[in-house]
Amino acid sequence: ITYLAGPENPMVSLFFAVFCFNEIMSQELHKWSHMTKKEVPEWVNTMQDLGITIGRITHAKHHMAPYDGNYCIVSGICNEALDNSGFFRWMEHRVYEMNGVESNAWKLDPELRAKTLRGEYALPK
């Protein structure tokens, strides 16, 4: 990155280093939410128990039918706000408009598909 940005732009290198670290860690945090307490380091269990990272029970909601919410894989803190605002439905709609790929949740729930395509993005409470 420093080669591309040039040595006179160290903040560009720092940005990409931090970005790449966070991307890799997000995948690790997600992976750990699928593992048992015995399979992960104790500090991971502590972070999950404190709600700093996504825990097993919280993340399991994402893997339950109709698979229509709880998409945040790092901490889960934003799940409620993003689900209630319809952010993920809006994103699924944009993806569908761009490439025609339907959300898996739409395949399980034709009513959710119809609502999303009408622009009704918020999930029912």
N, C-alpha and C. Protein backbone atom coordinates (compact mmCIF):
# COMPACT_ATOMS: atom_id res chain seq x y z
N ILE A 1 0.84 -1.20 0.00
CA ILE A 1 0.00 0.00 0.00
C ILE A 1 0.87 1.25 0.00
N THR A 2 1.94 1.24 0.80
CA THR A 2 2.82 2.40 0.82
C THR A 2 3.41 2.64 -0.56
N TYR A 3 3.70 1.56 -1.26
CA TYR A 3 4.23 1.69 -2.62
C TYR A 3 3.24 2.42 -3.52
N LEU A 4 1.96 2.05 -3.42
CA LEU A 4 0.94 2.67 -4.25
C LEU A 4 0.63 4.10 -3.81
N ALA A 5 0.54 4.32 -2.49
CA ALA A 5 0.16 5.64 -1.98
C ALA A 5 1.35 6.60 -1.96
N GLY A 6 2.53 6.04 -1.90
CA GLY A 6 3.72 6.87 -1.83
C GLY A 6 4.12 7.11 -0.39
N PRO A 7 5.41 7.22 -0.14
CA PRO A 7 5.88 7.40 1.24
C PRO A 7 5.44 8.74 1.84
N GLU A 8 5.01 9.68 1.01
CA GLU A 8 4.57 10.97 1.52
C GLU A 8 3.13 10.93 2.04
N ASN A 9 2.46 9.75 1.95
CA ASN A 9 1.08 9.60 2.41
C ASN A 9 0.95 8.45 3.42
N PRO A 10 1.61 8.54 4.57
CA PRO A 10 1.57 7.42 5.53
C PRO A 10 0.17 7.17 6.07
N MET A 11 -0.71 8.17 6.09
CA MET A 11 -2.06 7.96 6.61
C MET A 11 -2.87 7.02 5.72
N VAL A 12 -2.57 7.01 4.43
CA VAL A 12 -3.25 6.08 3.52
C VAL A 12 -2.86 4.65 3.89
N SER A 13 -1.58 4.43 4.14
CA SER A 13 -1.11 3.10 4.55
C SER A 13 -1.73 2.70 5.88
N LEU A 14 -1.79 3.63 6.82
CA LEU A 14 -2.39 3.36 8.13
C LEU A 14 -3.86 3.00 7.97
N PHE A 15 -4.59 3.77 7.18
CA PHE A 15 -6.01 3.49 6.95
C PHE A 15 -6.20 2.07 6.44
N PHE A 16 -5.46 1.69 5.41
CA PHE A 16 -5.65 0.36 4.83
C PHE A 16 -5.19 -0.75 5.77
N ALA A 17 -4.18 -0.51 6.57
CA ALA A 17 -3.74 -1.50 7.56
C ALA A 17 -4.84 -1.73 8.59
N VAL A 18 -5.42 -0.66 9.10
CA VAL A 18 -6.49 -0.76 10.09
C VAL A 18 -7.73 -1.40 9.46
N PHE A 19 -8.06 -0.98 8.25
CA PHE A 19 -9.22 -1.55 7.55
C PHE A 19 -9.05 -3.06 7.37
N CYS A 20 -7.91 -3.49 6.89
CA CYS A 20 -7.68 -4.92 6.66
C CYS A 20 -7.71 -5.71 7.96
N PHE A 21 -7.12 -5.16 9.02
CA PHE A 21 -7.16 -5.82 10.32
C PHE A 21 -8.60 -6.00 10.79
N ASN A 22 -9.39 -4.94 10.68
CA ASN A 22 -10.79 -5.01 11.13
C ASN A 22 -11.60 -5.98 10.28
N GLU A 23 -11.35 -6.03 9.00
CA GLU A 23 -12.06 -6.97 8.14
C GLU A 23 -11.74 -8.41 8.54
N ILE A 24 -10.48 -8.70 8.75
CA ILE A 24 -10.08 -10.04 9.16
C ILE A 24 -10.69 -10.39 10.52
N MET A 25 -10.64 -9.45 11.46
CA MET A 25 -11.19 -9.71 12.79
C MET A 25 -12.70 -9.90 12.75
N SER A 26 -13.39 -9.20 11.86
CA SER A 26 -14.84 -9.38 11.78
C SER A 26 -15.17 -10.82 11.40
N GLN A 27 -14.37 -11.40 10.52
CA GLN A 27 -14.59 -12.80 10.14
C GLN A 27 -14.27 -13.75 11.29
N GLU A 28 -13.25 -13.44 12.05
CA GLU A 28 -12.91 -14.27 13.22
C GLU A 28 -14.01 -14.19 14.27
N LEU A 29 -14.50 -12.97 14.55
CA LEU A 29 -15.57 -12.81 15.54
C LEU A 29 -16.81 -13.59 15.11
N HIS A 30 -17.11 -13.54 13.83
CA HIS A 30 -18.25 -14.29 13.31
C HIS A 30 -18.00 -15.79 13.46
N LYS A 31 -16.83 -16.24 13.10
CA LYS A 31 -16.50 -17.67 13.23
C LYS A 31 -16.66 -18.13 14.67
N TRP A 32 -16.16 -17.32 15.62
CA TRP A 32 -16.23 -17.70 17.03
C TRP A 32 -17.67 -17.77 17.53
N SER A 33 -18.58 -17.03 16.91
CA SER A 33 -19.98 -17.09 17.34
C SER A 33 -20.63 -18.42 16.95
N HIS A 34 -19.97 -19.18 16.09
CA HIS A 34 -20.45 -20.50 15.68
C HIS A 34 -19.80 -21.62 16.47
N MET A 35 -18.84 -21.30 17.31
CA MET A 35 -18.08 -22.32 18.04
C MET A 35 -18.53 -22.40 19.48
N THR A 36 -18.29 -23.55 20.11
CA THR A 36 -18.65 -23.71 21.51
C THR A 36 -17.67 -22.97 22.40
N LYS A 37 -18.06 -22.76 23.65
CA LYS A 37 -17.20 -22.05 24.61
C LYS A 37 -15.85 -22.76 24.77
N LYS A 38 -15.84 -24.07 24.68
CA LYS A 38 -14.60 -24.83 24.85
C LYS A 38 -13.67 -24.70 23.65
N GLU A 39 -14.21 -24.32 22.50
CA GLU A 39 -13.41 -24.25 21.27
C GLU A 39 -12.72 -22.91 21.06
N VAL A 40 -13.05 -21.91 21.87
CA VAL A 40 -12.48 -20.58 21.67
C VAL A 40 -11.66 -20.18 22.90
N PRO A 41 -10.74 -19.23 22.74
CA PRO A 41 -9.98 -18.75 23.90
C PRO A 41 -10.91 -18.12 24.94
N GLU A 42 -10.51 -18.15 26.19
CA GLU A 42 -11.34 -17.61 27.28
C GLU A 42 -11.65 -16.13 27.08
N TRP A 43 -10.68 -15.37 26.54
CA TRP A 43 -10.93 -13.94 26.35
C TRP A 43 -12.05 -13.70 25.34
N VAL A 44 -12.24 -14.63 24.40
CA VAL A 44 -13.34 -14.52 23.44
C VAL A 44 -14.67 -14.73 24.15
N ASN A 45 -14.72 -15.74 25.04
CA ASN A 45 -15.94 -15.97 25.82
C ASN A 45 -16.28 -14.74 26.66
N THR A 46 -15.27 -14.13 27.25
CA THR A 46 -15.50 -12.93 28.07
C THR A 46 -16.06 -11.81 27.21
N MET A 47 -15.47 -11.58 26.04
CA MET A 47 -15.97 -10.52 25.16
C MET A 47 -17.41 -10.79 24.71
N GLN A 48 -17.72 -12.05 24.44
CA GLN A 48 -19.10 -12.40 24.06
C GLN A 48 -20.05 -12.21 25.24
N ASP A 49 -19.65 -12.64 26.41
CA ASP A 49 -20.50 -12.51 27.60
C ASP A 49 -20.77 -11.05 27.94
N LEU A 50 -19.79 -10.18 27.68
CA LEU A 50 -19.95 -8.75 27.96
C LEU A 50 -20.71 -8.02 26.85
N GLY A 51 -20.96 -8.71 25.74
CA GLY A 51 -21.68 -8.09 24.63
C GLY A 51 -20.80 -7.23 23.74
N ILE A 52 -19.49 -7.34 23.90
CA ILE A 52 -18.57 -6.58 23.06
C ILE A 52 -18.52 -7.16 21.65
N THR A 53 -18.57 -8.48 21.59
CA THR A 53 -18.65 -9.16 20.29
C THR A 53 -19.92 -10.00 20.26
N ILE A 54 -20.31 -10.41 19.08
CA ILE A 54 -21.56 -11.16 18.93
C ILE A 54 -21.45 -12.52 19.61
N GLY A 55 -22.44 -12.84 20.42
CA GLY A 55 -22.47 -14.11 21.13
C GLY A 55 -23.19 -15.17 20.33
N ARG A 56 -23.12 -16.37 20.83
CA ARG A 56 -23.71 -17.51 20.13
C ARG A 56 -25.23 -17.40 20.01
N ILE A 57 -25.89 -17.09 21.10
CA ILE A 57 -27.36 -17.03 21.10
C ILE A 57 -27.85 -15.89 20.22
N THR A 58 -27.23 -14.72 20.37
CA THR A 58 -27.62 -13.57 19.56
C THR A 58 -27.44 -13.86 18.08
N HIS A 59 -26.31 -14.44 17.73
CA HIS A 59 -26.04 -14.71 16.32
C HIS A 59 -26.93 -15.83 15.77
N ALA A 60 -27.32 -16.77 16.62
CA ALA A 60 -28.15 -17.89 16.17
C ALA A 60 -29.48 -17.40 15.60
N LYS A 61 -29.96 -16.23 16.05
CA LYS A 61 -31.22 -15.69 15.53
C LYS A 61 -31.12 -15.45 14.02
N HIS A 62 -29.93 -15.15 13.55
CA HIS A 62 -29.71 -14.92 12.12
C HIS A 62 -29.88 -16.21 11.31
N HIS A 63 -29.68 -17.34 11.96
CA HIS A 63 -29.75 -18.63 11.28
C HIS A 63 -31.07 -19.34 11.50
N MET A 64 -32.09 -18.60 11.93
CA MET A 64 -33.41 -19.18 12.16
C MET A 64 -34.38 -18.62 11.12
N ALA A 65 -35.25 -19.50 10.61
CA ALA A 65 -36.25 -19.07 9.63
C ALA A 65 -37.07 -17.93 10.22
N PRO A 66 -37.42 -16.94 9.41
CA PRO A 66 -37.26 -16.87 7.97
C PRO A 66 -35.97 -16.20 7.50
N TYR A 67 -34.94 -16.12 8.32
CA TYR A 67 -33.63 -15.59 7.91
C TYR A 67 -33.73 -14.15 7.39
N ASP A 68 -34.48 -13.33 8.09
CA ASP A 68 -34.76 -11.99 7.57
C ASP A 68 -34.18 -10.86 8.41
N GLY A 69 -33.31 -11.16 9.35
CA GLY A 69 -32.75 -10.09 10.16
C GLY A 69 -31.52 -10.55 10.93
N ASN A 70 -31.07 -9.69 11.82
CA ASN A 70 -29.90 -9.98 12.66
C ASN A 70 -28.66 -10.29 11.81
N TYR A 71 -28.37 -9.42 10.85
CA TYR A 71 -27.27 -9.65 9.93
C TYR A 71 -25.91 -9.15 10.44
N CYS A 72 -25.90 -8.38 11.52
CA CYS A 72 -24.63 -7.82 11.99
C CYS A 72 -23.80 -8.93 12.64
N ILE A 73 -22.55 -9.10 12.17
CA ILE A 73 -21.75 -10.25 12.62
C ILE A 73 -20.62 -9.88 13.57
N VAL A 74 -20.44 -8.61 13.88
CA VAL A 74 -19.34 -8.23 14.76
C VAL A 74 -19.79 -8.14 16.22
N SER A 75 -20.79 -7.32 16.49
CA SER A 75 -21.25 -7.20 17.87
C SER A 75 -22.75 -7.40 18.02
N GLY A 76 -23.50 -7.19 16.98
CA GLY A 76 -24.94 -7.31 17.06
C GLY A 76 -25.63 -6.08 17.63
N ILE A 77 -24.85 -5.11 18.05
CA ILE A 77 -25.41 -3.90 18.68
C ILE A 77 -26.37 -3.18 17.73
N CYS A 78 -26.08 -3.20 16.46
CA CYS A 78 -26.88 -2.45 15.48
C CYS A 78 -28.05 -3.25 14.91
N ASN A 79 -28.17 -4.52 15.26
CA ASN A 79 -29.21 -5.35 14.65
C ASN A 79 -30.61 -4.77 14.79
N GLU A 80 -30.99 -4.40 16.00
CA GLU A 80 -32.36 -3.91 16.22
C GLU A 80 -32.64 -2.66 15.41
N ALA A 81 -31.73 -1.69 15.46
CA ALA A 81 -31.94 -0.44 14.73
C ALA A 81 -31.98 -0.69 13.22
N LEU A 82 -31.05 -1.51 12.71
CA LEU A 82 -31.01 -1.76 11.27
C LEU A 82 -32.21 -2.59 10.81
N ASP A 83 -32.64 -3.56 11.62
CA ASP A 83 -33.82 -4.35 11.26
C ASP A 83 -35.07 -3.47 11.28
N ASN A 84 -35.23 -2.65 12.33
CA ASN A 84 -36.42 -1.80 12.44
C ASN A 84 -36.46 -0.73 11.36
N SER A 85 -35.31 -0.24 10.94
CA SER A 85 -35.27 0.80 9.92
C SER A 85 -35.50 0.24 8.52
N GLY A 86 -35.36 -1.08 8.38
CA GLY A 86 -35.52 -1.69 7.07
C GLY A 86 -34.26 -1.61 6.21
N PHE A 87 -33.13 -1.29 6.83
CA PHE A 87 -31.88 -1.12 6.07
C PHE A 87 -31.54 -2.36 5.24
N PHE A 88 -31.63 -3.53 5.83
CA PHE A 88 -31.25 -4.75 5.09
C PHE A 88 -32.23 -5.06 3.97
N ARG A 89 -33.53 -4.81 4.22
CA ARG A 89 -34.51 -5.00 3.14
C ARG A 89 -34.20 -4.05 1.99
N TRP A 90 -33.85 -2.81 2.34
CA TRP A 90 -33.51 -1.81 1.32
C TRP A 90 -32.30 -2.28 0.52
N MET A 91 -31.27 -2.80 1.23
CA MET A 91 -30.07 -3.29 0.55
C MET A 91 -30.40 -4.49 -0.35
N GLU A 92 -31.23 -5.40 0.15
CA GLU A 92 -31.62 -6.55 -0.67
C GLU A 92 -32.34 -6.09 -1.94
N HIS A 93 -33.16 -5.08 -1.79
CA HIS A 93 -33.87 -4.54 -2.95
C HIS A 93 -32.88 -3.96 -3.96
N ARG A 94 -31.88 -3.22 -3.47
CA ARG A 94 -30.87 -2.64 -4.38
C ARG A 94 -30.09 -3.74 -5.09
N VAL A 95 -29.69 -4.78 -4.37
CA VAL A 95 -28.96 -5.89 -4.99
C VAL A 95 -29.81 -6.54 -6.06
N TYR A 96 -31.07 -6.77 -5.74
CA TYR A 96 -31.99 -7.38 -6.70
C TYR A 96 -32.13 -6.52 -7.96
N GLU A 97 -32.23 -5.21 -7.78
CA GLU A 97 -32.33 -4.32 -8.93
C GLU A 97 -31.07 -4.36 -9.80
N MET A 98 -29.91 -4.51 -9.15
CA MET A 98 -28.65 -4.49 -9.90
C MET A 98 -28.37 -5.79 -10.64
N ASN A 99 -28.65 -6.94 -9.98
CA ASN A 99 -28.24 -8.19 -10.61
C ASN A 99 -29.31 -9.28 -10.65
N GLY A 100 -30.50 -8.99 -10.14
CA GLY A 100 -31.59 -9.97 -10.21
C GLY A 100 -31.50 -11.09 -9.20
N VAL A 101 -30.54 -11.04 -8.27
CA VAL A 101 -30.39 -12.09 -7.27
C VAL A 101 -31.33 -11.81 -6.10
N GLU A 102 -32.15 -12.79 -5.77
CA GLU A 102 -33.11 -12.63 -4.68
C GLU A 102 -32.53 -13.08 -3.35
N SER A 103 -32.93 -12.40 -2.30
CA SER A 103 -32.56 -12.78 -0.94
C SER A 103 -33.09 -14.17 -0.64
N ASN A 104 -32.35 -14.96 0.13
CA ASN A 104 -32.85 -16.27 0.55
C ASN A 104 -34.12 -16.13 1.36
N ALA A 105 -34.23 -15.04 2.14
CA ALA A 105 -35.45 -14.82 2.94
C ALA A 105 -36.67 -14.68 2.03
N TRP A 106 -36.50 -14.10 0.86
CA TRP A 106 -37.61 -13.94 -0.08
C TRP A 106 -38.11 -15.30 -0.55
N LYS A 107 -37.21 -16.24 -0.73
CA LYS A 107 -37.58 -17.57 -1.21
C LYS A 107 -38.42 -18.31 -0.18
N LEU A 108 -38.19 -18.00 1.10
CA LEU A 108 -38.92 -18.64 2.18
C LEU A 108 -40.21 -17.90 2.53
N ASP A 109 -40.28 -16.63 2.17
CA ASP A 109 -41.42 -15.80 2.56
C ASP A 109 -41.84 -14.90 1.40
N PRO A 110 -42.72 -15.39 0.53
CA PRO A 110 -43.15 -14.58 -0.62
C PRO A 110 -43.76 -13.24 -0.22
N GLU A 111 -44.40 -13.18 0.96
CA GLU A 111 -44.98 -11.91 1.42
C GLU A 111 -43.88 -10.89 1.73
N LEU A 112 -42.78 -11.34 2.32
CA LEU A 112 -41.64 -10.46 2.58
C LEU A 112 -41.08 -9.93 1.26
N ARG A 113 -40.99 -10.80 0.28
CA ARG A 113 -40.51 -10.40 -1.06
C ARG A 113 -41.40 -9.30 -1.64
N ALA A 114 -42.71 -9.54 -1.59
CA ALA A 114 -43.66 -8.57 -2.15
C ALA A 114 -43.57 -7.23 -1.41
N LYS A 115 -43.49 -7.26 -0.09
CA LYS A 115 -43.38 -6.02 0.69
C LYS A 115 -42.10 -5.27 0.33
N THR A 116 -41.01 -6.00 0.22
CA THR A 116 -39.73 -5.36 -0.09
C THR A 116 -39.78 -4.71 -1.46
N LEU A 117 -40.33 -5.40 -2.43
CA LEU A 117 -40.40 -4.85 -3.78
C LEU A 117 -41.36 -3.66 -3.88
N ARG A 118 -42.29 -3.56 -2.90
CA ARG A 118 -43.17 -2.39 -2.84
C ARG A 118 -42.52 -1.23 -2.08
N GLY A 119 -41.35 -1.48 -1.49
CA GLY A 119 -40.67 -0.44 -0.74
C GLY A 119 -41.03 -0.40 0.73
N GLU A 120 -41.68 -1.44 1.22
CA GLU A 120 -42.03 -1.56 2.65
C GLU A 120 -40.91 -2.35 3.32
N TYR A 121 -39.91 -1.64 3.82
CA TYR A 121 -38.68 -2.30 4.25
C TYR A 121 -38.64 -2.74 5.71
N ALA A 122 -39.32 -2.06 6.60
CA ALA A 122 -39.23 -2.40 8.03
C ALA A 122 -39.80 -3.77 8.29
N LEU A 123 -39.15 -4.54 9.17
CA LEU A 123 -39.66 -5.85 9.55
C LEU A 123 -40.81 -5.68 10.53
N PRO A 124 -41.76 -6.62 10.52
CA PRO A 124 -42.84 -6.53 11.51
C PRO A 124 -42.29 -6.75 12.91
N LYS A 125 -42.88 -6.06 13.87
CA LYS A 125 -42.40 -6.17 15.26
C LYS A 125 -43.11 -7.25 16.00
